[in-house]
Amino acid sequence: MSDVATLPWLDVLGWVGSAVLILSLSLSNVVRFRVLNLVASVLLVVFNALLGIWPMVAMNAAIAVINVWHLVRLLRTRDDERTYEVVRVDPRSEYLAHLLRCHGDDVVRHNPGFDLQAVLEQDGRTWVFLVLRADETVGIVLLHEELRDGRPSGDVRVELDYVTARFRDLSVGRFVYRRDGRLAGLGMRRLLASRRMDDDYFERVGFRRDGEELVHDVRA
């Protein structure tokens, strides 16, 4: 045991495991937290096993199992319509205003140039959908219909697609775009997003590239 304890790489392993553990605790994103915490717990299992500190081995092994269970659950339900509910709210609702105040800096960082008041001052119809996981709001999608000759065109622009930091890796906006029948029932024909938004994200949730636009054809 003493020979193992004097190995120079063993100290490095312990320090790296501890550093990854601390880093994981600083993350708000639930998937990244679980992944890094899992990596840290596995490293610390090996570190403590080599030193023969079995209570710490047992504790970190249990933490690793818990992280695996949560990751499997999160990834298994990422496409589950029963896990994520879409609720339509008034664009002028106090709750929407509260959400945008709480996440204001993050909203602007991921949706440059977004201004709710400017959208509401435009002619045409505006819809807001919230994506909920149980009682937690995890996403906001705000759509505004473009007018053609002063009349509804059926072309609807995505003015805001925001996912909270905890669920950003899960692309929850898909639950709004996937429900084509509901959107078609509101008179939508196509959804348009600017290429200045996240191309990869919009392709993951069902949009296609069309020149300078990202387009999702709404099906009845």
C-alpha atoms as a PDB file:
ATOM      1  CA  MET A   1       0.000   0.000   0.000  1.00  0.00           C
ATOM      2  CA  SER A   2       2.823   2.391   0.866  1.00  0.00           C
ATOM      3  CA  ASP A   3       4.357   1.865  -2.604  1.00  0.00           C
ATOM      4  CA  VAL A   4       1.066   2.821  -4.229  1.00  0.00           C
ATOM      5  CA  ALA A   5       0.667   5.876  -2.014  1.00  0.00           C
ATOM      6  CA  THR A   6       4.037   7.254  -3.138  1.00  0.00           C
ATOM      7  CA  LEU A   7       3.253   7.074  -6.865  1.00  0.00           C
ATOM      8  CA  PRO A   8       3.416  10.664  -8.250  1.00  0.00           C
ATOM      9  CA  TRP A   9       0.439  10.209 -10.596  1.00  0.00           C
ATOM     10  CA  LEU A  10      -1.785   9.206  -7.694  1.00  0.00           C
ATOM     11  CA  ASP A  11      -1.711  12.725  -6.263  1.00  0.00           C
ATOM     12  CA  VAL A  12      -2.541  14.061  -9.705  1.00  0.00           C
ATOM     13  CA  LEU A  13      -5.515  11.692  -9.955  1.00  0.00           C
ATOM     14  CA  GLY A  14      -6.841  12.849  -6.591  1.00  0.00           C
ATOM     15  CA  TRP A  15      -6.438  16.531  -7.403  1.00  0.00           C
ATOM     16  CA  VAL A  16      -8.038  16.153 -10.846  1.00  0.00           C
ATOM     17  CA  GLY A  17     -10.999  14.255  -9.385  1.00  0.00           C
ATOM     18  CA  SER A  18     -11.488  16.928  -6.727  1.00  0.00           C
ATOM     19  CA  ALA A  19     -11.198  19.746  -9.285  1.00  0.00           C
ATOM     20  CA  VAL A  20     -13.762  18.140 -11.621  1.00  0.00           C
ATOM     21  CA  LEU A  21     -16.110  17.640  -8.657  1.00  0.00           C
ATOM     22  CA  ILE A  22     -15.859  21.325  -7.697  1.00  0.00           C
ATOM     23  CA  LEU A  23     -16.334  22.384 -11.327  1.00  0.00           C
ATOM     24  CA  SER A  24     -19.461  20.242 -11.643  1.00  0.00           C
ATOM     25  CA  LEU A  25     -21.008  21.949  -8.616  1.00  0.00           C
ATOM     26  CA  SER A  26     -20.579  25.335 -10.298  1.00  0.00           C
ATOM     27  CA  LEU A  27     -22.712  24.355 -13.331  1.00  0.00           C
ATOM     28  CA  SER A  28     -26.400  25.174 -13.631  1.00  0.00           C
ATOM     29  CA  ASN A  29     -26.940  22.975 -16.710  1.00  0.00           C
ATOM     30  CA  VAL A  30     -28.421  19.760 -15.371  1.00  0.00           C
ATOM     31  CA  VAL A  31     -26.958  17.423 -18.029  1.00  0.00           C
ATOM     32  CA  ARG A  32     -23.437  18.857 -17.850  1.00  0.00           C
ATOM     33  CA  PHE A  33     -23.580  18.805 -14.052  1.00  0.00           C
ATOM     34  CA  ARG A  34     -24.498  15.114 -14.041  1.00  0.00           C
ATOM     35  CA  VAL A  35     -21.827  14.191 -16.620  1.00  0.00           C
ATOM     36  CA  LEU A  36     -19.000  16.028 -14.848  1.00  0.00           C
ATOM     37  CA  ASN A  37     -20.127  14.841 -11.431  1.00  0.00           C
ATOM     38  CA  LEU A  38     -20.122  11.273 -12.774  1.00  0.00           C
ATOM     39  CA  VAL A  39     -16.589  11.692 -14.147  1.00  0.00           C
ATOM     40  CA  ALA A  40     -15.411  13.109 -10.806  1.00  0.00           C
ATOM     41  CA  SER A  41     -16.984  10.307  -8.784  1.00  0.00           C
ATOM     42  CA  VAL A  42     -15.401   7.620 -11.009  1.00  0.00           C
ATOM     43  CA  LEU A  43     -11.963   9.241 -10.678  1.00  0.00           C
ATOM     44  CA  LEU A  44     -12.362   9.415  -6.903  1.00  0.00           C
ATOM     45  CA  VAL A  45     -13.491   5.781  -6.742  1.00  0.00           C
ATOM     46  CA  VAL A  46     -10.210   4.768  -8.412  1.00  0.00           C
ATOM     47  CA  PHE A  47      -8.164   7.154  -6.244  1.00  0.00           C
ATOM     48  CA  ASN A  48      -9.628   5.944  -2.954  1.00  0.00           C
ATOM     49  CA  ALA A  49      -9.546   2.280  -3.985  1.00  0.00           C
ATOM     50  CA  LEU A  50      -5.816   2.509  -4.672  1.00  0.00           C
ATOM     51  CA  LEU A  51      -5.349   4.000  -1.213  1.00  0.00           C
ATOM     52  CA  GLY A  52      -7.670   1.444   0.356  1.00  0.00           C
ATOM     53  CA  ILE A  53     -10.066   4.071   1.767  1.00  0.00           C
ATOM     54  CA  TRP A  54     -13.176   1.931   1.359  1.00  0.00           C
ATOM     55  CA  PRO A  55     -15.823   4.217   2.925  1.00  0.00           C
ATOM     56  CA  MET A  56     -14.891   6.882   0.343  1.00  0.00           C
ATOM     57  CA  VAL A  57     -14.948   4.255  -2.415  1.00  0.00           C
ATOM     58  CA  ALA A  58     -18.477   3.257  -1.381  1.00  0.00           C
ATOM     59  CA  MET A  59     -19.672   6.869  -1.194  1.00  0.00           C
ATOM     60  CA  ASN A  60     -18.306   7.844  -4.615  1.00  0.00           C
ATOM     61  CA  ALA A  61     -19.571   4.619  -6.192  1.00  0.00           C
ATOM     62  CA  ALA A  62     -23.050   5.429  -4.887  1.00  0.00           C
ATOM     63  CA  ILE A  63     -22.784   8.982  -6.278  1.00  0.00           C
ATOM     64  CA  ALA A  64     -21.750   7.555  -9.668  1.00  0.00           C
ATOM     65  CA  VAL A  65     -24.791   5.257  -9.719  1.00  0.00           C
ATOM     66  CA  ILE A  66     -27.101   8.154  -8.800  1.00  0.00           C
ATOM     67  CA  ASN A  67     -25.635  10.282 -11.622  1.00  0.00           C
ATOM     68  CA  VAL A  68     -26.072   7.477 -14.149  1.00  0.00           C
ATOM     69  CA  TRP A  69     -29.701   7.011 -13.063  1.00  0.00           C
ATOM     70  CA  HIS A  70     -30.463  10.734 -13.466  1.00  0.00           C
ATOM     71  CA  LEU A  71     -28.688  10.949 -16.845  1.00  0.00           C
ATOM     72  CA  VAL A  72     -30.574   7.963 -18.213  1.00  0.00           C
ATOM     73  CA  ARG A  73     -33.851   9.455 -16.977  1.00  0.00           C
ATOM     74  CA  LEU A  74     -33.104  12.877 -18.492  1.00  0.00           C
ATOM     75  CA  LEU A  75     -32.035  11.503 -21.865  1.00  0.00           C
ATOM     76  CA  ARG A  76     -34.831   8.933 -22.011  1.00  0.00           C
ATOM     77  CA  THR A  77     -37.482  11.629 -21.479  1.00  0.00           C
ATOM     78  CA  ARG A  78     -35.948  14.325 -23.696  1.00  0.00           C
ATOM     79  CA  ASP A  79     -38.489  13.462 -26.450  1.00  0.00           C
ATOM     80  CA  ASP A  80     -41.334  12.492 -24.132  1.00  0.00           C
ATOM     81  CA  GLU A  81     -44.538  14.464 -24.708  1.00  0.00           C
ATOM     82  CA  ARG A  82     -45.748  13.398 -21.250  1.00  0.00           C
ATOM     83  CA  THR A  83     -42.737  14.933 -19.525  1.00  0.00           C
ATOM     84  CA  TYR A  84     -42.838  18.351 -21.200  1.00  0.00           C
ATOM     85  CA  GLU A  85     -46.068  20.327 -21.456  1.00  0.00           C
ATOM     86  CA  VAL A  86     -46.623  23.312 -23.765  1.00  0.00           C
ATOM     87  CA  VAL A  87     -48.822  26.108 -22.407  1.00  0.00           C
ATOM     88  CA  ARG A  88     -49.906  29.164 -24.379  1.00  0.00           C
ATOM     89  CA  VAL A  89     -49.883  32.475 -22.482  1.00  0.00           C
ATOM     90  CA  ASP A  90     -50.796  36.065 -23.260  1.00  0.00           C
ATOM     91  CA  PRO A  91     -47.777  37.998 -24.644  1.00  0.00           C
ATOM     92  CA  ARG A  92     -48.635  40.771 -22.182  1.00  0.00           C
ATOM     93  CA  SER A  93     -48.983  38.482 -19.174  1.00  0.00           C
ATOM     94  CA  GLU A  94     -47.265  39.361 -15.916  1.00  0.00           C
ATOM     95  CA  TYR A  95     -45.795  35.874 -15.716  1.00  0.00           C
ATOM     96  CA  LEU A  96     -44.014  36.236 -19.079  1.00  0.00           C
ATOM     97  CA  ALA A  97     -42.715  39.654 -18.028  1.00  0.00           C
ATOM     98  CA  HIS A  98     -41.452  38.103 -14.789  1.00  0.00           C
ATOM     99  CA  LEU A  99     -39.631  35.303 -16.651  1.00  0.00           C
ATOM    100  CA  LEU A 100     -37.963  37.775 -19.000  1.00  0.00           C
ATOM    101  CA  ARG A 101     -36.856  39.920 -16.066  1.00  0.00           C
ATOM    102  CA  CYS A 102     -35.410  36.896 -14.240  1.00  0.00           C
ATOM    103  CA  HIS A 103     -33.516  35.644 -17.284  1.00  0.00           C
ATOM    104  CA  GLY A 104     -32.999  38.999 -19.012  1.00  0.00           C
ATOM    105  CA  ASP A 105     -29.237  38.930 -19.588  1.00  0.00           C
ATOM    106  CA  ASP A 106     -29.267  35.274 -20.635  1.00  0.00           C
ATOM    107  CA  VAL A 107     -32.197  35.843 -23.017  1.00  0.00           C
ATOM    108  CA  VAL A 108     -30.370  38.651 -24.812  1.00  0.00           C
ATOM    109  CA  ARG A 109     -27.119  36.655 -24.902  1.00  0.00           C
ATOM    110  CA  HIS A 110     -28.776  33.780 -26.740  1.00  0.00           C
ATOM    111  CA  ASN A 111     -31.322  35.850 -28.719  1.00  0.00           C
ATOM    112  CA  PRO A 112     -29.421  39.020 -29.739  1.00  0.00           C
ATOM    113  CA  GLY A 113     -31.626  42.013 -30.392  1.00  0.00           C
ATOM    114  CA  PHE A 114     -34.788  40.575 -28.856  1.00  0.00           C
ATOM    115  CA  ASP A 115     -37.134  43.256 -27.533  1.00  0.00           C
ATOM    116  CA  LEU A 116     -40.593  42.171 -26.364  1.00  0.00           C
ATOM    117  CA  GLN A 117     -42.040  45.678 -26.452  1.00  0.00           C
ATOM    118  CA  ALA A 118     -40.857  46.218 -30.033  1.00  0.00           C
ATOM    119  CA  VAL A 119     -42.523  42.956 -31.106  1.00  0.00           C
ATOM    120  CA  LEU A 120     -45.798  43.876 -29.409  1.00  0.00           C
ATOM    121  CA  GLU A 121     -45.837  47.274 -31.129  1.00  0.00           C
ATOM    122  CA  GLN A 122     -45.742  45.641 -34.583  1.00  0.00           C
ATOM    123  CA  ASP A 123     -48.938  44.973 -36.488  1.00  0.00           C
ATOM    124  CA  GLY A 124     -50.014  41.360 -36.644  1.00  0.00           C
ATOM    125  CA  ARG A 125     -50.572  38.494 -34.234  1.00  0.00           C
ATOM    126  CA  THR A 126     -48.154  37.345 -31.540  1.00  0.00           C
ATOM    127  CA  TRP A 127     -48.155  34.002 -29.731  1.00  0.00           C
ATOM    128  CA  VAL A 128     -46.167  32.915 -26.693  1.00  0.00           C
ATOM    129  CA  PHE A 129     -45.709  29.274 -25.681  1.00  0.00           C
ATOM    130  CA  LEU A 130     -44.061  28.151 -22.452  1.00  0.00           C
ATOM    131  CA  VAL A 131     -42.486  24.724 -22.167  1.00  0.00           C
ATOM    132  CA  LEU A 132     -42.940  23.263 -18.681  1.00  0.00           C
ATOM    133  CA  ARG A 133     -41.359  20.256 -17.002  1.00  0.00           C
ATOM    134  CA  ALA A 134     -43.678  19.510 -14.081  1.00  0.00           C
ATOM    135  CA  ASP A 135     -44.080  22.949 -12.449  1.00  0.00           C
ATOM    136  CA  GLU A 136     -40.819  24.428 -13.788  1.00  0.00           C
ATOM    137  CA  THR A 137     -40.772  26.696 -16.863  1.00  0.00           C
ATOM    138  CA  VAL A 138     -37.832  25.513 -18.971  1.00  0.00           C
ATOM    139  CA  GLY A 139     -38.450  27.245 -22.306  1.00  0.00           C
ATOM    140  CA  ILE A 140     -40.086  30.248 -23.963  1.00  0.00           C
ATOM    141  CA  VAL A 141     -41.036  30.455 -27.656  1.00  0.00           C
ATOM    142  CA  LEU A 142     -42.432  33.738 -28.984  1.00  0.00           C
ATOM    143  CA  LEU A 143     -43.820  33.855 -32.528  1.00  0.00           C
ATOM    144  CA  HIS A 144     -45.028  36.839 -34.576  1.00  0.00           C
ATOM    145  CA  GLU A 145     -46.912  36.647 -37.866  1.00  0.00           C
ATOM    146  CA  GLU A 146     -45.573  38.660 -40.755  1.00  0.00           C
ATOM    147  CA  LEU A 147     -48.171  40.676 -42.660  1.00  0.00           C
ATOM    148  CA  ARG A 148     -48.401  40.815 -46.445  1.00  0.00           C
ATOM    149  CA  ASP A 149     -50.272  43.808 -47.863  1.00  0.00           C
ATOM    150  CA  GLY A 150     -51.581  44.389 -44.360  1.00  0.00           C
ATOM    151  CA  ARG A 151     -53.088  40.898 -44.114  1.00  0.00           C
ATOM    152  CA  PRO A 152     -52.003  37.712 -42.299  1.00  0.00           C
ATOM    153  CA  SER A 153     -49.559  35.781 -44.474  1.00  0.00           C
ATOM    154  CA  GLY A 154     -49.226  32.508 -42.593  1.00  0.00           C
ATOM    155  CA  ASP A 155     -45.477  33.138 -42.370  1.00  0.00           C
ATOM    156  CA  VAL A 156     -44.604  33.348 -38.694  1.00  0.00           C
ATOM    157  CA  ARG A 157     -41.238  34.533 -37.407  1.00  0.00           C
ATOM    158  CA  VAL A 158     -39.544  33.046 -34.363  1.00  0.00           C
ATOM    159  CA  GLU A 159     -38.712  36.178 -32.391  1.00  0.00           C
ATOM    160  CA  LEU A 160     -37.589  34.309 -29.290  1.00  0.00           C
ATOM    161  CA  ASP A 161     -36.621  30.719 -28.586  1.00  0.00           C
ATOM    162  CA  TYR A 162     -35.111  30.566 -25.127  1.00  0.00           C
ATOM    163  CA  VAL A 163     -34.256  27.544 -22.981  1.00  0.00           C
ATOM    164  CA  THR A 164     -33.194  28.006 -19.376  1.00  0.00           C
ATOM    165  CA  ALA A 165     -29.596  27.133 -18.517  1.00  0.00           C
ATOM    166  CA  ARG A 166     -30.587  23.987 -16.615  1.00  0.00           C
ATOM    167  CA  PHE A 167     -32.186  22.384 -19.695  1.00  0.00           C
ATOM    168  CA  ARG A 168     -30.249  23.995 -22.544  1.00  0.00           C
ATOM    169  CA  ASP A 169     -28.769  20.699 -23.775  1.00  0.00           C
ATOM    170  CA  LEU A 170     -32.232  19.146 -24.211  1.00  0.00           C
ATOM    171  CA  SER A 171     -33.616  21.353 -27.059  1.00  0.00           C
ATOM    172  CA  VAL A 172     -37.059  21.656 -25.459  1.00  0.00           C
ATOM    173  CA  GLY A 173     -38.369  24.090 -28.107  1.00  0.00           C
ATOM    174  CA  ARG A 174     -39.048  20.989 -30.215  1.00  0.00           C
ATOM    175  CA  PHE A 175     -42.221  20.398 -28.206  1.00  0.00           C
ATOM    176  CA  VAL A 176     -43.697  23.636 -29.596  1.00  0.00           C
ATOM    177  CA  TYR A 177     -42.639  23.048 -33.212  1.00  0.00           C
ATOM    178  CA  ARG A 178     -43.564  19.379 -33.212  1.00  0.00           C
ATOM    179  CA  ARG A 179     -47.229  20.099 -32.484  1.00  0.00           C
ATOM    180  CA  ASP A 180     -47.943  21.180 -36.034  1.00  0.00           C
ATOM    181  CA  GLY A 181     -51.685  20.615 -35.794  1.00  0.00           C
ATOM    182  CA  ARG A 182     -51.985  23.147 -33.013  1.00  0.00           C
ATOM    183  CA  LEU A 183     -49.912  25.715 -34.925  1.00  0.00           C
ATOM    184  CA  ALA A 184     -51.813  25.078 -38.170  1.00  0.00           C
ATOM    185  CA  GLY A 185     -55.059  25.598 -36.270  1.00  0.00           C
ATOM    186  CA  LEU A 186     -53.832  29.083 -35.391  1.00  0.00           C
ATOM    187  CA  GLY A 187     -53.354  29.886 -39.082  1.00  0.00           C
ATOM    188  CA  MET A 188     -49.591  29.288 -39.300  1.00  0.00           C
ATOM    189  CA  ARG A 189     -48.144  28.010 -42.572  1.00  0.00           C
ATOM    190  CA  ARG A 190     -44.398  28.395 -42.144  1.00  0.00           C
ATOM    191  CA  LEU A 191     -42.110  29.234 -39.251  1.00  0.00           C
ATOM    192  CA  LEU A 192     -39.100  31.385 -40.078  1.00  0.00           C
ATOM    193  CA  ALA A 193     -35.976  31.940 -38.005  1.00  0.00           C
ATOM    194  CA  SER A 194     -33.030  34.152 -38.812  1.00  0.00           C
ATOM    195  CA  ARG A 195     -29.679  32.516 -39.567  1.00  0.00           C
ATOM    196  CA  ARG A 196     -28.182  34.777 -36.881  1.00  0.00           C
ATOM    197  CA  MET A 197     -29.859  32.416 -34.433  1.00  0.00           C
ATOM    198  CA  ASP A 198     -28.386  28.998 -33.633  1.00  0.00           C
ATOM    199  CA  ASP A 199     -28.480  27.019 -36.916  1.00  0.00           C
ATOM    200  CA  ASP A 200     -27.587  23.705 -35.303  1.00  0.00           C
ATOM    201  CA  TYR A 201     -30.284  24.045 -32.650  1.00  0.00           C
ATOM    202  CA  PHE A 202     -33.016  24.873 -35.157  1.00  0.00           C
ATOM    203  CA  GLU A 203     -32.021  21.976 -37.395  1.00  0.00           C
ATOM    204  CA  ARG A 204     -32.275  19.666 -34.367  1.00  0.00           C
ATOM    205  CA  VAL A 205     -35.840  20.842 -33.706  1.00  0.00           C
ATOM    206  CA  GLY A 206     -37.047  20.404 -37.289  1.00  0.00           C
ATOM    207  CA  PHE A 207     -36.041  23.493 -39.308  1.00  0.00           C
ATOM    208  CA  ARG A 208     -34.213  23.440 -42.647  1.00  0.00           C
ATOM    209  CA  ARG A 209     -31.857  25.989 -44.166  1.00  0.00           C
ATOM    210  CA  ASP A 210     -33.306  28.096 -46.982  1.00  0.00           C
ATOM    211  CA  GLY A 211     -30.963  30.891 -48.050  1.00  0.00           C
ATOM    212  CA  GLU A 212     -30.729  33.383 -45.212  1.00  0.00           C
ATOM    213  CA  GLU A 213     -33.634  31.798 -43.365  1.00  0.00           C
ATOM    214  CA  LEU A 214     -34.283  28.716 -41.300  1.00  0.00           C
ATOM    215  CA  VAL A 215     -37.713  27.323 -42.254  1.00  0.00           C
ATOM    216  CA  HIS A 216     -40.146  24.891 -40.668  1.00  0.00           C
ATOM    217  CA  ASP A 217     -43.172  23.938 -42.792  1.00  0.00           C
ATOM    218  CA  VAL A 218     -46.236  23.643 -40.574  1.00  0.00           C
ATOM    219  CA  ARG A 219     -48.374  20.616 -41.337  1.00  0.00           C
ATOM    220  CA  ALA A 220     -52.073  20.456 -40.607  1.00  0.00           C
END
